[in-house]
Amino acid sequence: VTVLQCSASQSGGGVYAYGGVLQAVNLVVEQCTAANGAGVDAIDAVLGIDIGSLRDNIASDEGGGLRVVDGSALLEHIVLQRNEAVYGGGALLDWCDAVTLLDVACSDNNAVLRGGALYATGTSDTYVSGCSVSANTAGLGVDGMVFASSNAGLVSDTSFCGQTVHIGGTWSDLGGN
């Protein structure tokens, strides 16, 4: 599925899911705009994306490429690139039950304030593995990944190339980082 140059005044410029389950394979969302979740916005939903790219999406508030609120997400083999937002240029994860990021590449995303690549707050059971984080920017200095008030996190085999990472909560480094 390819979604190009879409716009929404509030949520989900490219794809919007409220409740239920959204599973996508080979999802491409590019050049979309919205206040929140310019590429993909999932609220109170279970989101699964296997193989895809979210590029050049712009949110005027949260989650340039992707925003997940009060749900869960499994993202595998995804590229988050050149997305912009105030918080979470690449992605924003807010109060999620479980988040798994496998082989996700976050590069060249920009956050006006924090979380150039990713901003997660209040999220539990987070697992990050085989990911790469590079060349992201943020106005208040946390250009890589921000995990604020997030608990039970595991990180393994993930490269943070010249990027800052802020971790608040209980986390384990499984090595290879």
C-alpha atoms as a PDB file:
ATOM      1  CA  VAL A   1       0.000   0.000   0.000  1.00  0.00           C
ATOM      2  CA  THR A   2       1.350   3.424  -0.956  1.00  0.00           C
ATOM      3  CA  VAL A   3      -0.076   6.677   0.421  1.00  0.00           C
ATOM      4  CA  LEU A   4       1.299   9.934  -1.005  1.00  0.00           C
ATOM      5  CA  GLN A   5       0.734  13.633  -0.359  1.00  0.00           C
ATOM      6  CA  CYS A   6      -2.285  13.382   1.953  1.00  0.00           C
ATOM      7  CA  SER A   7      -3.372  15.872   4.581  1.00  0.00           C
ATOM      8  CA  ALA A   8      -5.581  15.981   7.697  1.00  0.00           C
ATOM      9  CA  SER A   9      -6.294  18.957   9.925  1.00  0.00           C
ATOM     10  CA  GLN A  10      -6.023  16.895  13.133  1.00  0.00           C
ATOM     11  CA  SER A  11      -4.796  13.284  13.120  1.00  0.00           C
ATOM     12  CA  GLY A  12      -3.421  10.822  10.619  1.00  0.00           C
ATOM     13  CA  GLY A  13      -2.453  12.620   7.450  1.00  0.00           C
ATOM     14  CA  GLY A  14      -1.726   9.349   5.637  1.00  0.00           C
ATOM     15  CA  VAL A  15      -3.288   6.570   7.728  1.00  0.00           C
ATOM     16  CA  TYR A  16      -5.566   6.900  10.766  1.00  0.00           C
ATOM     17  CA  ALA A  17      -6.690   4.091  13.080  1.00  0.00           C
ATOM     18  CA  TYR A  18      -8.912   4.542  16.117  1.00  0.00           C
ATOM     19  CA  GLY A  19      -9.431   1.350  18.091  1.00  0.00           C
ATOM     20  CA  GLY A  20      -9.191  -2.129  16.642  1.00  0.00           C
ATOM     21  CA  VAL A  21      -6.218  -3.685  14.869  1.00  0.00           C
ATOM     22  CA  LEU A  22      -4.250  -2.280  11.953  1.00  0.00           C
ATOM     23  CA  GLN A  23      -1.795  -4.660  10.266  1.00  0.00           C
ATOM     24  CA  ALA A  24       0.159  -3.518   7.212  1.00  0.00           C
ATOM     25  CA  VAL A  25       2.834  -5.104   5.025  1.00  0.00           C
ATOM     26  CA  ASN A  26       4.883  -3.078   2.538  1.00  0.00           C
ATOM     27  CA  LEU A  27       3.381   0.208   3.716  1.00  0.00           C
ATOM     28  CA  VAL A  28       4.787   3.393   2.168  1.00  0.00           C
ATOM     29  CA  VAL A  29       3.555   6.764   3.464  1.00  0.00           C
ATOM     30  CA  GLU A  30       5.258   9.885   2.118  1.00  0.00           C
ATOM     31  CA  GLN A  31       4.744  13.656   2.060  1.00  0.00           C
ATOM     32  CA  CYS A  32       1.689  13.725   4.314  1.00  0.00           C
ATOM     33  CA  THR A  33       0.766  16.421   6.847  1.00  0.00           C
ATOM     34  CA  ALA A  34      -1.378  16.579  10.003  1.00  0.00           C
ATOM     35  CA  ALA A  35      -1.331  18.066  13.487  1.00  0.00           C
ATOM     36  CA  ASN A  36      -0.514  14.612  14.939  1.00  0.00           C
ATOM     37  CA  GLY A  37       0.729  11.423  13.318  1.00  0.00           C
ATOM     38  CA  ALA A  38       1.309  12.935   9.885  1.00  0.00           C
ATOM     39  CA  GLY A  39       2.262   9.580   8.349  1.00  0.00           C
ATOM     40  CA  VAL A  40       0.364   7.122  10.565  1.00  0.00           C
ATOM     41  CA  ASP A  41      -1.727   7.880  13.652  1.00  0.00           C
ATOM     42  CA  ALA A  42      -3.040   5.015  15.798  1.00  0.00           C
ATOM     43  CA  ILE A  43      -5.081   5.761  18.921  1.00  0.00           C
ATOM     44  CA  ASP A  44      -6.231   3.045  21.312  1.00  0.00           C
ATOM     45  CA  ALA A  45      -5.277   0.509  18.636  1.00  0.00           C
ATOM     46  CA  VAL A  46      -2.955  -2.402  18.000  1.00  0.00           C
ATOM     47  CA  LEU A  47      -0.592  -1.404  15.192  1.00  0.00           C
ATOM     48  CA  GLY A  48       1.638  -3.779  13.248  1.00  0.00           C
ATOM     49  CA  ILE A  49       3.793  -2.743  10.297  1.00  0.00           C
ATOM     50  CA  ASP A  50       6.142  -5.215   8.627  1.00  0.00           C
ATOM     51  CA  ILE A  51       8.320  -3.749   5.888  1.00  0.00           C
ATOM     52  CA  GLY A  52       7.665  -0.152   5.054  1.00  0.00           C
ATOM     53  CA  SER A  53       8.807   3.417   4.949  1.00  0.00           C
ATOM     54  CA  LEU A  54       7.459   6.619   6.450  1.00  0.00           C
ATOM     55  CA  ARG A  55       9.273   9.530   4.788  1.00  0.00           C
ATOM     56  CA  ASP A  56       8.953  13.294   4.430  1.00  0.00           C
ATOM     57  CA  ASN A  57       5.860  13.619   6.650  1.00  0.00           C
ATOM     58  CA  ILE A  58       5.279  16.779   8.720  1.00  0.00           C
ATOM     59  CA  ALA A  59       3.214  17.058  11.926  1.00  0.00           C
ATOM     60  CA  SER A  60       2.626  20.461  13.493  1.00  0.00           C
ATOM     61  CA  ASP A  61       2.602  18.823  16.958  1.00  0.00           C
ATOM     62  CA  GLU A  62       3.429  15.133  17.633  1.00  0.00           C
ATOM     63  CA  GLY A  63       4.794  12.237  15.572  1.00  0.00           C
ATOM     64  CA  GLY A  64       5.980  13.274  12.130  1.00  0.00           C
ATOM     65  CA  GLY A  65       6.236   9.771  10.711  1.00  0.00           C
ATOM     66  CA  LEU A  66       4.165   7.888  13.269  1.00  0.00           C
ATOM     67  CA  ARG A  67       2.204   8.425  16.484  1.00  0.00           C
ATOM     68  CA  VAL A  68       0.747   5.669  18.687  1.00  0.00           C
ATOM     69  CA  VAL A  69      -1.328   6.668  21.744  1.00  0.00           C
ATOM     70  CA  ASP A  70      -2.822   4.281  24.343  1.00  0.00           C
ATOM     71  CA  GLY A  71      -2.212   1.196  22.234  1.00  0.00           C
ATOM     72  CA  SER A  72       0.589  -1.120  21.229  1.00  0.00           C
ATOM     73  CA  ALA A  73       2.922  -1.335  18.261  1.00  0.00           C
ATOM     74  CA  LEU A  74       5.085  -3.909  16.504  1.00  0.00           C
ATOM     75  CA  LEU A  75       7.280  -2.271  13.867  1.00  0.00           C
ATOM     76  CA  GLU A  76       9.603  -4.467  11.805  1.00  0.00           C
ATOM     77  CA  HIS A  77      11.889  -3.553   8.898  1.00  0.00           C
ATOM     78  CA  ILE A  78      10.719   0.077   8.809  1.00  0.00           C
ATOM     79  CA  VAL A  79      12.479   3.229   7.621  1.00  0.00           C
ATOM     80  CA  LEU A  80      11.584   6.497   9.387  1.00  0.00           C
ATOM     81  CA  GLN A  81      13.318   9.219   7.391  1.00  0.00           C
ATOM     82  CA  ARG A  82      13.103  13.011   6.951  1.00  0.00           C
ATOM     83  CA  ASN A  83       9.968  13.379   9.094  1.00  0.00           C
ATOM     84  CA  GLU A  84       9.295  16.457  11.259  1.00  0.00           C
ATOM     85  CA  ALA A  85       7.273  17.302  14.395  1.00  0.00           C
ATOM     86  CA  VAL A  86       7.513  19.302  17.614  1.00  0.00           C
ATOM     87  CA  TYR A  87       7.920  16.054  19.612  1.00  0.00           C
ATOM     88  CA  GLY A  88       9.005  12.789  17.994  1.00  0.00           C
ATOM     89  CA  GLY A  89      10.156  13.763  14.522  1.00  0.00           C
ATOM     90  CA  GLY A  90      10.314  10.132  13.422  1.00  0.00           C
ATOM     91  CA  ALA A  91       7.799   8.682  15.900  1.00  0.00           C
ATOM     92  CA  LEU A  92       5.948   9.471  19.111  1.00  0.00           C
ATOM     93  CA  LEU A  93       4.771   6.669  21.411  1.00  0.00           C
ATOM     94  CA  ASP A  94       2.485   7.867  24.206  1.00  0.00           C
ATOM     95  CA  TRP A  95       1.223   5.632  27.033  1.00  0.00           C
ATOM     96  CA  CYS A  96       1.525   2.426  25.034  1.00  0.00           C
ATOM     97  CA  ASP A  97       1.149  -0.999  26.633  1.00  0.00           C
ATOM     98  CA  ALA A  98       3.825  -2.698  24.550  1.00  0.00           C
ATOM     99  CA  VAL A  99       6.160  -1.486  21.819  1.00  0.00           C
ATOM    100  CA  THR A 100       8.597  -3.596  19.798  1.00  0.00           C
ATOM    101  CA  LEU A 101      10.979  -2.049  17.275  1.00  0.00           C
ATOM    102  CA  LEU A 102      12.928  -4.568  15.175  1.00  0.00           C
ATOM    103  CA  ASP A 103      15.300  -3.485  12.410  1.00  0.00           C
ATOM    104  CA  VAL A 104      13.973   0.078  12.327  1.00  0.00           C
ATOM    105  CA  ALA A 105      16.178   2.732  10.685  1.00  0.00           C
ATOM    106  CA  CYS A 106      15.656   6.282  11.969  1.00  0.00           C
ATOM    107  CA  SER A 107      17.587   8.936  10.070  1.00  0.00           C
ATOM    108  CA  ASP A 108      17.378  12.609   9.163  1.00  0.00           C
ATOM    109  CA  ASN A 109      14.239  13.219  11.244  1.00  0.00           C
ATOM    110  CA  ASN A 110      13.756  16.526  13.066  1.00  0.00           C
ATOM    111  CA  ALA A 111      11.945  17.498  16.266  1.00  0.00           C
ATOM    112  CA  VAL A 112      11.492  21.162  17.114  1.00  0.00           C
ATOM    113  CA  LEU A 113      11.856  20.269  20.816  1.00  0.00           C
ATOM    114  CA  ARG A 114      12.733  16.636  21.725  1.00  0.00           C
ATOM    115  CA  GLY A 115      13.107  13.194  20.195  1.00  0.00           C
ATOM    116  CA  GLY A 116      14.439  13.716  16.700  1.00  0.00           C
ATOM    117  CA  ALA A 117      14.174   9.995  15.965  1.00  0.00           C
ATOM    118  CA  LEU A 118      11.681   8.892  18.620  1.00  0.00           C
ATOM    119  CA  TYR A 119       9.900  10.232  21.701  1.00  0.00           C
ATOM    120  CA  ALA A 120       8.255   7.736  24.061  1.00  0.00           C
ATOM    121  CA  THR A 121       6.528   8.703  27.285  1.00  0.00           C
ATOM    122  CA  GLY A 122       4.652   6.550  29.791  1.00  0.00           C
ATOM    123  CA  THR A 123       5.300   3.489  27.650  1.00  0.00           C
ATOM    124  CA  SER A 124       5.917   0.096  29.259  1.00  0.00           C
ATOM    125  CA  ASP A 125       7.324  -3.140  27.881  1.00  0.00           C
ATOM    126  CA  THR A 126       9.478  -1.575  25.182  1.00  0.00           C
ATOM    127  CA  TYR A 127      11.925  -3.704  23.191  1.00  0.00           C
ATOM    128  CA  VAL A 128      14.369  -2.191  20.684  1.00  0.00           C
ATOM    129  CA  SER A 129      16.616  -4.494  18.647  1.00  0.00           C
ATOM    130  CA  GLY A 130      18.665  -4.283  15.465  1.00  0.00           C
ATOM    131  CA  CYS A 131      17.811  -0.619  14.955  1.00  0.00           C
ATOM    132  CA  SER A 132      19.960   2.234  13.664  1.00  0.00           C
ATOM    133  CA  VAL A 133      19.633   5.853  14.730  1.00  0.00           C
ATOM    134  CA  SER A 134      21.618   8.521  12.857  1.00  0.00           C
ATOM    135  CA  ALA A 135      21.610  12.153  11.670  1.00  0.00           C
ATOM    136  CA  ASN A 136      18.430  13.117  13.544  1.00  0.00           C
ATOM    137  CA  THR A 137      18.090  16.607  15.045  1.00  0.00           C
ATOM    138  CA  ALA A 138      16.145  18.209  17.899  1.00  0.00           C
ATOM    139  CA  GLY A 139      15.956  21.780  19.168  1.00  0.00           C
ATOM    140  CA  LEU A 140      16.467  20.935  22.855  1.00  0.00           C
ATOM    141  CA  GLY A 141      19.359  18.552  22.338  1.00  0.00           C
ATOM    142  CA  VAL A 142      17.908  15.025  22.543  1.00  0.00           C
ATOM    143  CA  ASP A 143      18.266  14.213  18.876  1.00  0.00           C
ATOM    144  CA  GLY A 144      18.167  10.424  19.085  1.00  0.00           C
ATOM    145  CA  MET A 145      15.606   8.649  21.253  1.00  0.00           C
ATOM    146  CA  VAL A 146      13.813   9.913  24.364  1.00  0.00           C
ATOM    147  CA  PHE A 147      12.274   7.403  26.743  1.00  0.00           C
ATOM    148  CA  ALA A 148      10.582   9.544  29.417  1.00  0.00           C
ATOM    149  CA  SER A 149       8.762   7.800  32.263  1.00  0.00           C
ATOM    150  CA  SER A 150       9.027   4.549  30.352  1.00  0.00           C
ATOM    151  CA  ASN A 151       9.665   1.257  32.100  1.00  0.00           C
ATOM    152  CA  ALA A 152      10.620  -2.342  31.445  1.00  0.00           C
ATOM    153  CA  GLY A 153      12.701  -1.539  28.391  1.00  0.00           C
ATOM    154  CA  LEU A 154      15.246  -3.766  26.672  1.00  0.00           C
ATOM    155  CA  VAL A 155      17.753  -2.557  24.068  1.00  0.00           C
ATOM    156  CA  SER A 156      20.029  -4.813  22.018  1.00  0.00           C
ATOM    157  CA  ASP A 157      22.162  -4.611  18.873  1.00  0.00           C
ATOM    158  CA  THR A 158      21.151  -1.011  18.175  1.00  0.00           C
ATOM    159  CA  SER A 159      23.511   1.690  16.903  1.00  0.00           C
ATOM    160  CA  PHE A 160      23.179   5.284  18.044  1.00  0.00           C
ATOM    161  CA  CYS A 161      25.619   7.012  15.673  1.00  0.00           C
ATOM    162  CA  GLY A 162      26.480  10.380  17.224  1.00  0.00           C
ATOM    163  CA  GLN A 163      22.995  10.632  18.718  1.00  0.00           C
ATOM    164  CA  THR A 164      21.933  11.398  22.278  1.00  0.00           C
ATOM    165  CA  VAL A 165      19.579   9.086  24.115  1.00  0.00           C
ATOM    166  CA  HIS A 166      17.607   9.980  27.241  1.00  0.00           C
ATOM    167  CA  ILE A 167      16.271   7.122  29.326  1.00  0.00           C
ATOM    168  CA  GLY A 168      13.974   7.698  32.288  1.00  0.00           C
ATOM    169  CA  GLY A 169      12.737   4.556  34.002  1.00  0.00           C
ATOM    170  CA  THR A 170      13.955   0.960  34.276  1.00  0.00           C
ATOM    171  CA  TRP A 171      15.952  -0.296  31.274  1.00  0.00           C
ATOM    172  CA  SER A 172      18.364  -3.075  30.428  1.00  0.00           C
ATOM    173  CA  ASP A 173      21.131  -2.985  27.859  1.00  0.00           C
ATOM    174  CA  LEU A 174      21.346  -6.476  26.360  1.00  0.00           C
ATOM    175  CA  GLY A 175      24.609  -5.615  24.581  1.00  0.00           C
ATOM    176  CA  GLY A 176      25.713  -4.913  21.061  1.00  0.00           C
ATOM    177  CA  ASN A 177      24.829  -1.204  21.318  1.00  0.00           C
END
